[in-house]
């Protein structure tokens, strides 16, 4: 039996979410949105997801929350801030240092956000039980076939900006998103209203022209995709544009003027950057073997790409650095057993020798 709940419970849920470290909370229907489903189908049909085959293989689950869990009636969309306290573009062009995306400099967000989601879901179940209401709940953060960004917009957390990420008038763009699907029939909030206007700062700053049009991202050209998801050698077309970015990219977020408000919101301390990841030296990173890589990135989302892909990225940065002090390390890695590493080393060595 569906039970429509009043705004009092919604307010209590939002307050509890805030106490657990979430900077944004909103509510949306779990039903299918035909426009959202059509946009997903079009994006996949054009191959813009690259080699992320799981996006296509579970498309039927992504179309709507009820496609994944038919009993779901509502979605509680949540955002946790990781807004940086410093300029994320400060190391651009540094010949000795590498750039790691802000989100990956602290604790693994999968663990932190999921733990908070589970606490909130448990609280909802217990709170509703006091009124004799049975609340079914499921929590999701990033790894499940859930369209967190469109759902976040539908729930009023903000709007999907021209860079396709959620933009909040209050929290900016530095938000980790999570969702709780529930059998509770909660009144939806008003969806986010697009406030990008004529601004195209995020489009202009992209180093690889990954936006074929506003609000459309071609993942195959995105630095985050190339440095994290893409296996094997990166196309030479993009290597110079990577600069010294070795894991992810913050450029389109950093360029968004709405982020001037982000520093005012509650940040989760778990995402404070680890000192050794804020401005790491390329010389140190190129020396990593598998064991050293796993030690350095224990508890970090970076760990999942493995040593080979990470060192491959560092070699592209070395080739772009013009730093001749790295030639010896680069030359040694030309004989690395991993194809992607060896190929990147040969490319980087050629670039450095041209200097």
C-alpha atoms as a PDB file:
ATOM      1  CA  UNK A   1       0.000   0.000   0.000  1.00  0.00           C
ATOM      2  CA  UNK A   2       1.316   3.416  -0.963  1.00  0.00           C
ATOM      3  CA  UNK A   3       1.369   5.965   1.808  1.00  0.00           C
ATOM      4  CA  UNK A   4       1.891   9.612   0.893  1.00  0.00           C
ATOM      5  CA  UNK A   5       3.932  11.293   3.604  1.00  0.00           C
ATOM      6  CA  UNK A   6       3.829  14.957   4.469  1.00  0.00           C
ATOM      7  CA  UNK A   7       6.648  17.490   4.412  1.00  0.00           C
ATOM      8  CA  UNK A   8       7.408  16.945   8.105  1.00  0.00           C
ATOM      9  CA  UNK A   9       9.168  13.641   7.394  1.00  0.00           C
ATOM     10  CA  UNK A  10      10.981  15.167   4.435  1.00  0.00           C
ATOM     11  CA  UNK A  11      12.255  17.931   6.678  1.00  0.00           C
ATOM     12  CA  UNK A  12      13.404  15.414   9.259  1.00  0.00           C
ATOM     13  CA  UNK A  13      15.228  13.399   6.581  1.00  0.00           C
ATOM     14  CA  UNK A  14      16.944  16.531   5.263  1.00  0.00           C
ATOM     15  CA  UNK A  15      18.010  17.529   8.793  1.00  0.00           C
ATOM     16  CA  UNK A  16      19.401  14.066   9.466  1.00  0.00           C
ATOM     17  CA  UNK A  17      21.239  14.129   6.115  1.00  0.00           C
ATOM     18  CA  UNK A  18      22.852  17.429   7.084  1.00  0.00           C
ATOM     19  CA  UNK A  19      23.934  15.968  10.431  1.00  0.00           C
ATOM     20  CA  UNK A  20      25.604  13.115   8.553  1.00  0.00           C
ATOM     21  CA  UNK A  21      27.669  15.507   6.442  1.00  0.00           C
ATOM     22  CA  UNK A  22      25.543  15.970   3.321  1.00  0.00           C
ATOM     23  CA  UNK A  23      25.442  19.502   1.933  1.00  0.00           C
ATOM     24  CA  UNK A  24      22.407  18.902  -0.304  1.00  0.00           C
ATOM     25  CA  UNK A  25      19.254  16.792  -0.084  1.00  0.00           C
ATOM     26  CA  UNK A  26      16.233  16.590  -2.377  1.00  0.00           C
ATOM     27  CA  UNK A  27      13.376  14.303  -3.376  1.00  0.00           C
ATOM     28  CA  UNK A  28      12.229  13.006  -6.767  1.00  0.00           C
ATOM     29  CA  UNK A  29       9.868  10.442  -8.226  1.00  0.00           C
ATOM     30  CA  UNK A  30      11.238   6.985  -9.011  1.00  0.00           C
ATOM     31  CA  UNK A  31       9.166   6.805 -12.179  1.00  0.00           C
ATOM     32  CA  UNK A  32      10.630   6.989 -15.668  1.00  0.00           C
ATOM     33  CA  UNK A  33      11.234  10.373 -17.253  1.00  0.00           C
ATOM     34  CA  UNK A  34      10.852   9.805 -21.037  1.00  0.00           C
ATOM     35  CA  UNK A  35      13.116  12.752 -21.915  1.00  0.00           C
ATOM     36  CA  UNK A  36      15.861  11.594 -19.558  1.00  0.00           C
ATOM     37  CA  UNK A  37      15.656   8.047 -20.958  1.00  0.00           C
ATOM     38  CA  UNK A  38      15.768   9.345 -24.547  1.00  0.00           C
ATOM     39  CA  UNK A  39      18.862  11.441 -23.854  1.00  0.00           C
ATOM     40  CA  UNK A  40      20.637   8.430 -22.387  1.00  0.00           C
ATOM     41  CA  UNK A  41      19.735   6.313 -25.408  1.00  0.00           C
ATOM     42  CA  UNK A  42      20.970   9.009 -27.803  1.00  0.00           C
ATOM     43  CA  UNK A  43      24.266   9.453 -25.941  1.00  0.00           C
ATOM     44  CA  UNK A  44      24.931   5.721 -25.933  1.00  0.00           C
ATOM     45  CA  UNK A  45      23.856   5.401 -29.553  1.00  0.00           C
ATOM     46  CA  UNK A  46      26.513   7.925 -30.572  1.00  0.00           C
ATOM     47  CA  UNK A  47      29.171   5.938 -28.749  1.00  0.00           C
ATOM     48  CA  UNK A  48      30.127   8.812 -26.466  1.00  0.00           C
ATOM     49  CA  UNK A  49      30.569   6.425 -23.540  1.00  0.00           C
ATOM     50  CA  UNK A  50      33.736   5.043 -25.136  1.00  0.00           C
ATOM     51  CA  UNK A  51      34.793   1.701 -23.674  1.00  0.00           C
ATOM     52  CA  UNK A  52      32.538   2.006 -20.621  1.00  0.00           C
ATOM     53  CA  UNK A  53      30.492  -0.952 -21.790  1.00  0.00           C
ATOM     54  CA  UNK A  54      28.625  -1.241 -18.494  1.00  0.00           C
ATOM     55  CA  UNK A  55      26.777   1.972 -19.377  1.00  0.00           C
ATOM     56  CA  UNK A  56      25.187   0.225 -22.357  1.00  0.00           C
ATOM     57  CA  UNK A  57      24.823  -3.293 -20.960  1.00  0.00           C
ATOM     58  CA  UNK A  58      22.649  -2.040 -18.085  1.00  0.00           C
ATOM     59  CA  UNK A  59      20.869   0.716 -19.968  1.00  0.00           C
ATOM     60  CA  UNK A  60      17.501  -0.796 -19.034  1.00  0.00           C
ATOM     61  CA  UNK A  61      18.353  -0.296 -15.371  1.00  0.00           C
ATOM     62  CA  UNK A  62      19.536   3.269 -15.913  1.00  0.00           C
ATOM     63  CA  UNK A  63      16.399   4.431 -17.681  1.00  0.00           C
ATOM     64  CA  UNK A  64      14.617   4.926 -14.360  1.00  0.00           C
ATOM     65  CA  UNK A  65      14.949   3.943 -10.700  1.00  0.00           C
ATOM     66  CA  UNK A  66      12.001   1.577 -11.156  1.00  0.00           C
ATOM     67  CA  UNK A  67      13.906  -0.101 -13.983  1.00  0.00           C
ATOM     68  CA  UNK A  68      16.411  -1.187 -11.354  1.00  0.00           C
ATOM     69  CA  UNK A  69      13.970  -1.693  -8.461  1.00  0.00           C
ATOM     70  CA  UNK A  70      10.280  -1.853  -9.507  1.00  0.00           C
ATOM     71  CA  UNK A  71       9.047  -1.339  -5.927  1.00  0.00           C
ATOM     72  CA  UNK A  72      10.753   2.053  -5.604  1.00  0.00           C
ATOM     73  CA  UNK A  73       8.404   5.031  -5.368  1.00  0.00           C
ATOM     74  CA  UNK A  74      10.792   7.862  -4.505  1.00  0.00           C
ATOM     75  CA  UNK A  75      14.425   8.878  -4.752  1.00  0.00           C
ATOM     76  CA  UNK A  76      16.259  10.789  -2.068  1.00  0.00           C
ATOM     77  CA  UNK A  77      19.139  12.511  -3.871  1.00  0.00           C
ATOM     78  CA  UNK A  78      22.085  13.657  -1.790  1.00  0.00           C
ATOM     79  CA  UNK A  79      25.293  15.591  -2.302  1.00  0.00           C
ATOM     80  CA  UNK A  80      28.414  15.741  -0.116  1.00  0.00           C
ATOM     81  CA  UNK A  81      30.849  18.627  -0.660  1.00  0.00           C
ATOM     82  CA  UNK A  82      34.533  18.196  -1.403  1.00  0.00           C
ATOM     83  CA  UNK A  83      35.128  21.847  -2.312  1.00  0.00           C
ATOM     84  CA  UNK A  84      38.875  22.623  -2.348  1.00  0.00           C
ATOM     85  CA  UNK A  85      40.338  25.285  -0.115  1.00  0.00           C
ATOM     86  CA  UNK A  86      42.934  26.201  -2.754  1.00  0.00           C
ATOM     87  CA  UNK A  87      43.111  26.857  -6.500  1.00  0.00           C
ATOM     88  CA  UNK A  88      42.908  23.444  -8.213  1.00  0.00           C
ATOM     89  CA  UNK A  89      44.629  24.899 -11.297  1.00  0.00           C
ATOM     90  CA  UNK A  90      47.647  26.229  -9.381  1.00  0.00           C
ATOM     91  CA  UNK A  91      50.011  23.506 -10.665  1.00  0.00           C
ATOM     92  CA  UNK A  92      49.152  23.972 -14.333  1.00  0.00           C
ATOM     93  CA  UNK A  93      52.342  23.881 -16.376  1.00  0.00           C
ATOM     94  CA  UNK A  94      54.581  22.926 -13.431  1.00  0.00           C
ATOM     95  CA  UNK A  95      57.493  20.920 -14.881  1.00  0.00           C
ATOM     96  CA  UNK A  96      58.243  18.989 -11.683  1.00  0.00           C
ATOM     97  CA  UNK A  97      54.789  18.361 -10.213  1.00  0.00           C
ATOM     98  CA  UNK A  98      51.765  16.357 -11.306  1.00  0.00           C
ATOM     99  CA  UNK A  99      48.102  17.258 -10.959  1.00  0.00           C
ATOM    100  CA  UNK A 100      45.660  14.880  -9.278  1.00  0.00           C
ATOM    101  CA  UNK A 101      41.971  15.768  -9.366  1.00  0.00           C
ATOM    102  CA  UNK A 102      40.727  17.330  -6.141  1.00  0.00           C
ATOM    103  CA  UNK A 103      38.209  14.551  -5.534  1.00  0.00           C
ATOM    104  CA  UNK A 104      40.955  11.906  -5.385  1.00  0.00           C
ATOM    105  CA  UNK A 105      43.323  13.658  -2.971  1.00  0.00           C
ATOM    106  CA  UNK A 106      41.473  12.524   0.160  1.00  0.00           C
ATOM    107  CA  UNK A 107      39.642   9.398   1.292  1.00  0.00           C
ATOM    108  CA  UNK A 108      37.793   7.221  -1.215  1.00  0.00           C
ATOM    109  CA  UNK A 109      34.391   8.849  -1.658  1.00  0.00           C
ATOM    110  CA  UNK A 110      32.749   5.502  -2.375  1.00  0.00           C
ATOM    111  CA  UNK A 111      33.408   4.422   1.198  1.00  0.00           C
ATOM    112  CA  UNK A 112      32.640   7.748   2.886  1.00  0.00           C
ATOM    113  CA  UNK A 113      29.407   8.508   1.026  1.00  0.00           C
ATOM    114  CA  UNK A 114      28.081   4.937   1.194  1.00  0.00           C
ATOM    115  CA  UNK A 115      28.663   4.804   4.951  1.00  0.00           C
ATOM    116  CA  UNK A 116      26.658   8.006   5.423  1.00  0.00           C
ATOM    117  CA  UNK A 117      23.912   6.767   3.074  1.00  0.00           C
ATOM    118  CA  UNK A 118      23.583   3.556   5.063  1.00  0.00           C
ATOM    119  CA  UNK A 119      23.298   5.515   8.316  1.00  0.00           C
ATOM    120  CA  UNK A 120      20.587   7.715   6.804  1.00  0.00           C
ATOM    121  CA  UNK A 121      18.703   4.754   5.315  1.00  0.00           C
ATOM    122  CA  UNK A 122      18.756   2.960   8.663  1.00  0.00           C
ATOM    123  CA  UNK A 123      17.461   6.102  10.383  1.00  0.00           C
ATOM    124  CA  UNK A 124      14.593   6.381   7.861  1.00  0.00           C
ATOM    125  CA  UNK A 125      13.537   2.773   8.436  1.00  0.00           C
ATOM    126  CA  UNK A 126      13.576   3.210  12.225  1.00  0.00           C
ATOM    127  CA  UNK A 127      11.814   6.586  12.083  1.00  0.00           C
ATOM    128  CA  UNK A 128       9.009   5.253   9.894  1.00  0.00           C
ATOM    129  CA  UNK A 129       8.610   2.126  12.029  1.00  0.00           C
ATOM    130  CA  UNK A 130       7.634   4.380  14.945  1.00  0.00           C
ATOM    131  CA  UNK A 131       4.578   5.415  12.902  1.00  0.00           C
ATOM    132  CA  UNK A 132       3.836   1.855  11.841  1.00  0.00           C
ATOM    133  CA  UNK A 133       5.119   2.413   8.324  1.00  0.00           C
ATOM    134  CA  UNK A 134       7.381  -0.113   6.605  1.00  0.00           C
ATOM    135  CA  UNK A 135      10.047   1.666   4.560  1.00  0.00           C
ATOM    136  CA  UNK A 136      12.039  -0.271   1.988  1.00  0.00           C
ATOM    137  CA  UNK A 137      15.378   1.349   1.130  1.00  0.00           C
ATOM    138  CA  UNK A 138      18.389   0.759  -1.134  1.00  0.00           C
ATOM    139  CA  UNK A 139      21.505   2.953  -1.209  1.00  0.00           C
ATOM    140  CA  UNK A 140      23.696   3.740  -4.223  1.00  0.00           C
ATOM    141  CA  UNK A 141      26.883   5.656  -4.877  1.00  0.00           C
ATOM    142  CA  UNK A 142      28.491   5.647  -8.308  1.00  0.00           C
ATOM    143  CA  UNK A 143      29.074   1.915  -8.825  1.00  0.00           C
ATOM    144  CA  UNK A 144      25.434   0.926  -9.519  1.00  0.00           C
ATOM    145  CA  UNK A 145      23.446   1.652 -12.726  1.00  0.00           C
ATOM    146  CA  UNK A 146      21.993   4.867 -11.310  1.00  0.00           C
ATOM    147  CA  UNK A 147      21.803   8.212 -13.124  1.00  0.00           C
ATOM    148  CA  UNK A 148      22.815  10.333 -10.135  1.00  0.00           C
ATOM    149  CA  UNK A 149      23.163  13.630 -11.998  1.00  0.00           C
ATOM    150  CA  UNK A 150      19.776  13.691 -13.783  1.00  0.00           C
ATOM    151  CA  UNK A 151      18.142  12.464 -10.587  1.00  0.00           C
ATOM    152  CA  UNK A 152      19.923  15.180  -8.620  1.00  0.00           C
ATOM    153  CA  UNK A 153      18.527  17.774 -11.018  1.00  0.00           C
ATOM    154  CA  UNK A 154      15.030  16.248 -10.787  1.00  0.00           C
ATOM    155  CA  UNK A 155      15.271  16.399  -6.979  1.00  0.00           C
ATOM    156  CA  UNK A 156      16.235  20.065  -6.991  1.00  0.00           C
ATOM    157  CA  UNK A 157      19.855  19.750  -5.856  1.00  0.00           C
ATOM    158  CA  UNK A 158      20.785  21.986  -8.766  1.00  0.00           C
ATOM    159  CA  UNK A 159      20.926  21.683 -12.525  1.00  0.00           C
ATOM    160  CA  UNK A 160      23.176  19.849 -14.962  1.00  0.00           C
ATOM    161  CA  UNK A 161      25.435  22.582 -16.258  1.00  0.00           C
ATOM    162  CA  UNK A 162      26.969  22.879 -19.685  1.00  0.00           C
ATOM    163  CA  UNK A 163      29.781  20.615 -18.415  1.00  0.00           C
ATOM    164  CA  UNK A 164      27.024  18.022 -17.571  1.00  0.00           C
ATOM    165  CA  UNK A 165      27.845  18.055 -13.842  1.00  0.00           C
ATOM    166  CA  UNK A 166      25.414  19.176 -11.178  1.00  0.00           C
ATOM    167  CA  UNK A 167      25.677  22.865 -10.297  1.00  0.00           C
ATOM    168  CA  UNK A 168      24.152  24.037  -7.029  1.00  0.00           C
ATOM    169  CA  UNK A 169      23.475  27.690  -6.245  1.00  0.00           C
ATOM    170  CA  UNK A 170      24.577  26.897  -2.691  1.00  0.00           C
ATOM    171  CA  UNK A 171      27.269  24.231  -3.018  1.00  0.00           C
ATOM    172  CA  UNK A 172      28.667  24.846  -6.499  1.00  0.00           C
ATOM    173  CA  UNK A 173      29.884  21.851  -8.499  1.00  0.00           C
ATOM    174  CA  UNK A 174      32.154  20.124  -5.987  1.00  0.00           C
ATOM    175  CA  UNK A 175      29.634  17.484  -4.945  1.00  0.00           C
ATOM    176  CA  UNK A 176      29.815  13.737  -4.555  1.00  0.00           C
ATOM    177  CA  UNK A 177      26.353  12.400  -5.367  1.00  0.00           C
ATOM    178  CA  UNK A 178      24.518   9.486  -3.805  1.00  0.00           C
ATOM    179  CA  UNK A 179      20.947   8.233  -3.839  1.00  0.00           C
ATOM    180  CA  UNK A 180      18.527   6.323  -1.653  1.00  0.00           C
ATOM    181  CA  UNK A 181      15.706   4.530  -3.445  1.00  0.00           C
ATOM    182  CA  UNK A 182      12.708   3.949  -1.208  1.00  0.00           C
ATOM    183  CA  UNK A 183       9.242   2.431  -1.274  1.00  0.00           C
ATOM    184  CA  UNK A 184       7.969   5.535   0.554  1.00  0.00           C
ATOM    185  CA  UNK A 185       5.811   7.794  -1.590  1.00  0.00           C
ATOM    186  CA  UNK A 186       7.457  11.140  -0.833  1.00  0.00           C
ATOM    187  CA  UNK A 187       6.302  14.349  -2.487  1.00  0.00           C
ATOM    188  CA  UNK A 188       8.844  15.353  -5.149  1.00  0.00           C
ATOM    189  CA  UNK A 189      10.677  18.667  -4.861  1.00  0.00           C
ATOM    190  CA  UNK A 190      10.721  21.158  -7.721  1.00  0.00           C
ATOM    191  CA  UNK A 191      13.472  20.281 -10.215  1.00  0.00           C
ATOM    192  CA  UNK A 192      16.583  22.408 -10.493  1.00  0.00           C
ATOM    193  CA  UNK A 193      16.339  25.464 -12.699  1.00  0.00           C
ATOM    194  CA  UNK A 194      19.092  25.991 -15.269  1.00  0.00           C
ATOM    195  CA  UNK A 195      21.070  29.125 -14.472  1.00  0.00           C
ATOM    196  CA  UNK A 196      24.060  28.788 -16.809  1.00  0.00           C
ATOM    197  CA  UNK A 197      22.787  31.607 -19.005  1.00  0.00           C
ATOM    198  CA  UNK A 198      25.242  32.650 -21.694  1.00  0.00           C
ATOM    199  CA  UNK A 199      28.312  31.552 -19.702  1.00  0.00           C
ATOM    200  CA  UNK A 200      30.519  29.046 -21.525  1.00  0.00           C
ATOM    201  CA  UNK A 201      33.598  29.135 -19.305  1.00  0.00           C
ATOM    202  CA  UNK A 202      33.571  25.367 -18.771  1.00  0.00           C
ATOM    203  CA  UNK A 203      33.380  24.750 -22.515  1.00  0.00           C
ATOM    204  CA  UNK A 204      36.257  27.068 -23.347  1.00  0.00           C
ATOM    205  CA  UNK A 205      38.639  25.769 -20.686  1.00  0.00           C
ATOM    206  CA  UNK A 206      38.432  22.077 -21.676  1.00  0.00           C
ATOM    207  CA  UNK A 207      41.929  21.068 -22.912  1.00  0.00           C
ATOM    208  CA  UNK A 208      40.670  18.309 -25.227  1.00  0.00           C
ATOM    209  CA  UNK A 209      37.446  19.859 -26.590  1.00  0.00           C
ATOM    210  CA  UNK A 210      35.350  17.151 -24.966  1.00  0.00           C
ATOM    211  CA  UNK A 211      32.091  19.110 -25.311  1.00  0.00           C
ATOM    212  CA  UNK A 212      30.662  18.840 -28.847  1.00  0.00           C
ATOM    213  CA  UNK A 213      27.848  21.130 -27.663  1.00  0.00           C
ATOM    214  CA  UNK A 214      26.690  22.640 -24.372  1.00  0.00           C
ATOM    215  CA  UNK A 215      25.254  19.993 -22.018  1.00  0.00           C
ATOM    216  CA  UNK A 216      26.859  17.182 -24.030  1.00  0.00           C
ATOM    217  CA  UNK A 217      30.060  15.376 -23.059  1.00  0.00           C
ATOM    218  CA  UNK A 218      32.012  13.078 -25.368  1.00  0.00           C
ATOM    219  CA  UNK A 219      33.719  10.884 -22.770  1.00  0.00           C
ATOM    220  CA  UNK A 220      36.160   9.603 -25.386  1.00  0.00           C
ATOM    221  CA  UNK A 221      37.831  13.026 -25.386  1.00  0.00           C
ATOM    222  CA  UNK A 222      37.545  13.774 -21.652  1.00  0.00           C
ATOM    223  CA  UNK A 223      40.771  13.882 -19.622  1.00  0.00           C
ATOM    224  CA  UNK A 224      39.067  12.108 -16.718  1.00  0.00           C
ATOM    225  CA  UNK A 225      38.029   9.253 -18.996  1.00  0.00           C
ATOM    226  CA  UNK A 226      41.414   9.061 -20.706  1.00  0.00           C
ATOM    227  CA  UNK A 227      43.411   8.969 -17.456  1.00  0.00           C
ATOM    228  CA  UNK A 228      41.063   6.747 -15.445  1.00  0.00           C
ATOM    229  CA  UNK A 229      38.816   4.558 -17.610  1.00  0.00           C
ATOM    230  CA  UNK A 230      40.826   4.160 -20.816  1.00  0.00           C
ATOM    231  CA  UNK A 231      43.106   1.121 -20.892  1.00  0.00           C
ATOM    232  CA  UNK A 232      46.235   0.820 -23.008  1.00  0.00           C
ATOM    233  CA  UNK A 233      47.912   3.659 -24.905  1.00  0.00           C
ATOM    234  CA  UNK A 234      46.057   6.971 -25.170  1.00  0.00           C
ATOM    235  CA  UNK A 235      45.675   8.299 -28.711  1.00  0.00           C
ATOM    236  CA  UNK A 236      48.548  10.627 -29.575  1.00  0.00           C
ATOM    237  CA  UNK A 237      45.984  13.279 -30.476  1.00  0.00           C
ATOM    238  CA  UNK A 238      45.334  13.849 -26.767  1.00  0.00           C
ATOM    239  CA  UNK A 239      48.704  13.255 -25.087  1.00  0.00           C
ATOM    240  CA  UNK A 240      50.055  16.799 -25.230  1.00  0.00           C
ATOM    241  CA  UNK A 241      46.700  18.188 -24.084  1.00  0.00           C
ATOM    242  CA  UNK A 242      46.899  16.081 -20.915  1.00  0.00           C
ATOM    243  CA  UNK A 243      49.642  18.400 -19.685  1.00  0.00           C
ATOM    244  CA  UNK A 244      50.589  17.316 -16.167  1.00  0.00           C
ATOM    245  CA  UNK A 245      47.156  15.874 -15.317  1.00  0.00           C
ATOM    246  CA  UNK A 246      47.745  12.299 -14.201  1.00  0.00           C
ATOM    247  CA  UNK A 247      44.393  11.397 -12.627  1.00  0.00           C
ATOM    248  CA  UNK A 248      41.193  13.174 -13.605  1.00  0.00           C
ATOM    249  CA  UNK A 249      40.692  16.819 -14.452  1.00  0.00           C
ATOM    250  CA  UNK A 250      39.213  19.775 -12.554  1.00  0.00           C
ATOM    251  CA  UNK A 251      39.310  22.416 -15.269  1.00  0.00           C
ATOM    252  CA  UNK A 252      35.627  22.612 -16.204  1.00  0.00           C
ATOM    253  CA  UNK A 253      34.551  22.639 -12.550  1.00  0.00           C
ATOM    254  CA  UNK A 254      37.180  25.175 -11.513  1.00  0.00           C
ATOM    255  CA  UNK A 255      36.076  27.505 -14.297  1.00  0.00           C
ATOM    256  CA  UNK A 256      32.425  27.572 -13.175  1.00  0.00           C
ATOM    257  CA  UNK A 257      31.587  30.928 -11.525  1.00  0.00           C
ATOM    258  CA  UNK A 258      28.972  29.301  -9.289  1.00  0.00           C
ATOM    259  CA  UNK A 259      31.793  27.696  -7.329  1.00  0.00           C
ATOM    260  CA  UNK A 260      32.505  30.996  -5.598  1.00  0.00           C
ATOM    261  CA  UNK A 261      29.763  29.900  -3.166  1.00  0.00           C
ATOM    262  CA  UNK A 262      31.155  26.401  -2.621  1.00  0.00           C
ATOM    263  CA  UNK A 263      33.638  27.399   0.080  1.00  0.00           C
ATOM    264  CA  UNK A 264      30.740  28.450   2.318  1.00  0.00           C
ATOM    265  CA  UNK A 265      29.184  24.980   2.591  1.00  0.00           C
ATOM    266  CA  UNK A 266      29.931  22.179   5.025  1.00  0.00           C
ATOM    267  CA  UNK A 267      32.801  20.001   3.764  1.00  0.00           C
ATOM    268  CA  UNK A 268      33.334  16.469   4.943  1.00  0.00           C
ATOM    269  CA  UNK A 269      36.739  16.301   6.655  1.00  0.00           C
ATOM    270  CA  UNK A 270      37.370  12.878   5.139  1.00  0.00           C
ATOM    271  CA  UNK A 271      37.997  14.640   1.845  1.00  0.00           C
ATOM    272  CA  UNK A 272      40.724  16.912   3.145  1.00  0.00           C
ATOM    273  CA  UNK A 273      43.699  16.327   0.838  1.00  0.00           C
ATOM    274  CA  UNK A 274      46.577  14.108   1.851  1.00  0.00           C
ATOM    275  CA  UNK A 275      49.725  16.221   1.821  1.00  0.00           C
ATOM    276  CA  UNK A 276      51.607  13.798  -0.444  1.00  0.00           C
ATOM    277  CA  UNK A 277      48.874  14.008  -3.125  1.00  0.00           C
ATOM    278  CA  UNK A 278      48.434  17.790  -3.356  1.00  0.00           C
ATOM    279  CA  UNK A 279      51.587  18.450  -5.380  1.00  0.00           C
ATOM    280  CA  UNK A 280      53.390  15.126  -5.958  1.00  0.00           C
ATOM    281  CA  UNK A 281      56.738  15.097  -7.749  1.00  0.00           C
ATOM    282  CA  UNK A 282      56.805  13.301 -11.083  1.00  0.00           C
ATOM    283  CA  UNK A 283      60.231  11.936 -10.193  1.00  0.00           C
ATOM    284  CA  UNK A 284      58.757  10.090  -7.202  1.00  0.00           C
ATOM    285  CA  UNK A 285      55.714   8.799  -9.070  1.00  0.00           C
ATOM    286  CA  UNK A 286      57.726   7.410 -11.990  1.00  0.00           C
ATOM    287  CA  UNK A 287      59.685   5.294  -9.508  1.00  0.00           C
ATOM    288  CA  UNK A 288      56.607   3.436  -8.242  1.00  0.00           C
ATOM    289  CA  UNK A 289      56.461  -0.325  -8.575  1.00  0.00           C
ATOM    290  CA  UNK A 290      53.250  -2.234  -7.892  1.00  0.00           C
ATOM    291  CA  UNK A 291      53.843  -2.579  -4.157  1.00  0.00           C
ATOM    292  CA  UNK A 292      54.814   1.075  -3.798  1.00  0.00           C
ATOM    293  CA  UNK A 293      51.755   2.138  -5.754  1.00  0.00           C
ATOM    294  CA  UNK A 294      49.438   0.125  -3.521  1.00  0.00           C
ATOM    295  CA  UNK A 295      51.038   1.526  -0.377  1.00  0.00           C
ATOM    296  CA  UNK A 296      50.816   5.131  -1.540  1.00  0.00           C
ATOM    297  CA  UNK A 297      47.200   4.912  -2.666  1.00  0.00           C
ATOM    298  CA  UNK A 298      45.758   2.686   0.030  1.00  0.00           C
ATOM    299  CA  UNK A 299      42.282   4.024   0.845  1.00  0.00           C
ATOM    300  CA  UNK A 300      42.302   6.227  -2.262  1.00  0.00           C
ATOM    301  CA  UNK A 301      40.060   5.934  -5.350  1.00  0.00           C
ATOM    302  CA  UNK A 302      43.254   6.085  -7.418  1.00  0.00           C
ATOM    303  CA  UNK A 303      44.138   2.560  -6.323  1.00  0.00           C
ATOM    304  CA  UNK A 304      41.550   1.012  -8.626  1.00  0.00           C
ATOM    305  CA  UNK A 305      43.352   1.936 -11.882  1.00  0.00           C
ATOM    306  CA  UNK A 306      46.491   0.052 -10.876  1.00  0.00           C
ATOM    307  CA  UNK A 307      50.172   0.899 -11.139  1.00  0.00           C
ATOM    308  CA  UNK A 308      50.523   0.420 -14.904  1.00  0.00           C
ATOM    309  CA  UNK A 309      47.798   2.826 -15.982  1.00  0.00           C
ATOM    310  CA  UNK A 310      48.933   5.346 -13.369  1.00  0.00           C
ATOM    311  CA  UNK A 311      52.591   5.286 -14.439  1.00  0.00           C
ATOM    312  CA  UNK A 312      51.457   5.520 -18.069  1.00  0.00           C
ATOM    313  CA  UNK A 313      49.736   8.797 -17.176  1.00  0.00           C
ATOM    314  CA  UNK A 314      52.824  10.032 -15.327  1.00  0.00           C
ATOM    315  CA  UNK A 315      54.922   9.348 -18.418  1.00  0.00           C
ATOM    316  CA  UNK A 316      52.646  11.502 -20.566  1.00  0.00           C
ATOM    317  CA  UNK A 317      53.097  14.250 -17.986  1.00  0.00           C
ATOM    318  CA  UNK A 318      56.872  13.723 -18.066  1.00  0.00           C
ATOM    319  CA  UNK A 319      56.892  14.040 -21.838  1.00  0.00           C
ATOM    320  CA  UNK A 320      54.942  17.279 -21.582  1.00  0.00           C
ATOM    321  CA  UNK A 321      57.110  18.679 -18.781  1.00  0.00           C
ATOM    322  CA  UNK A 322      60.274  19.555 -20.678  1.00  0.00           C
ATOM    323  CA  UNK A 323      62.092  18.477 -17.500  1.00  0.00           C
ATOM    324  CA  UNK A 324      65.326  16.842 -18.693  1.00  0.00           C
ATOM    325  CA  UNK A 325      66.061  15.544 -15.181  1.00  0.00           C
ATOM    326  CA  UNK A 326      63.449  12.855 -15.877  1.00  0.00           C
ATOM    327  CA  UNK A 327      65.152  11.426 -18.969  1.00  0.00           C
ATOM    328  CA  UNK A 328      66.902   8.588 -17.119  1.00  0.00           C
ATOM    329  CA  UNK A 329      63.713   7.328 -15.470  1.00  0.00           C
ATOM    330  CA  UNK A 330      61.748   7.638 -18.682  1.00  0.00           C
ATOM    331  CA  UNK A 331      64.366   5.749 -20.676  1.00  0.00           C
ATOM    332  CA  UNK A 332      64.353   2.895 -18.161  1.00  0.00           C
ATOM    333  CA  UNK A 333      60.564   2.575 -18.434  1.00  0.00           C
ATOM    334  CA  UNK A 334      60.812   2.037 -22.205  1.00  0.00           C
ATOM    335  CA  UNK A 335      61.485  -1.595 -21.314  1.00  0.00           C
ATOM    336  CA  UNK A 336      58.531  -1.918 -18.942  1.00  0.00           C
ATOM    337  CA  UNK A 337      56.599  -5.169 -19.464  1.00  0.00           C
ATOM    338  CA  UNK A 338      53.292  -3.300 -19.697  1.00  0.00           C
ATOM    339  CA  UNK A 339      52.524  -2.224 -23.263  1.00  0.00           C
ATOM    340  CA  UNK A 340      50.857   1.019 -22.247  1.00  0.00           C
ATOM    341  CA  UNK A 341      53.748   2.032 -19.988  1.00  0.00           C
ATOM    342  CA  UNK A 342      56.419   1.180 -22.549  1.00  0.00           C
ATOM    343  CA  UNK A 343      54.589   3.003 -25.334  1.00  0.00           C
ATOM    344  CA  UNK A 344      54.135   6.100 -23.157  1.00  0.00           C
ATOM    345  CA  UNK A 345      57.817   5.997 -22.167  1.00  0.00           C
ATOM    346  CA  UNK A 346      58.989   5.879 -25.793  1.00  0.00           C
ATOM    347  CA  UNK A 347      56.719   8.838 -26.607  1.00  0.00           C
ATOM    348  CA  UNK A 348      57.854  10.805 -23.555  1.00  0.00           C
ATOM    349  CA  UNK A 349      61.545  10.127 -24.245  1.00  0.00           C
ATOM    350  CA  UNK A 350      61.188  11.410 -27.785  1.00  0.00           C
ATOM    351  CA  UNK A 351      59.478  14.563 -26.521  1.00  0.00           C
ATOM    352  CA  UNK A 352      62.197  15.197 -23.933  1.00  0.00           C
ATOM    353  CA  UNK A 353      65.047  14.498 -26.348  1.00  0.00           C
ATOM    354  CA  UNK A 354      63.569  17.048 -28.741  1.00  0.00           C
ATOM    355  CA  UNK A 355      64.135  19.599 -25.990  1.00  0.00           C
END
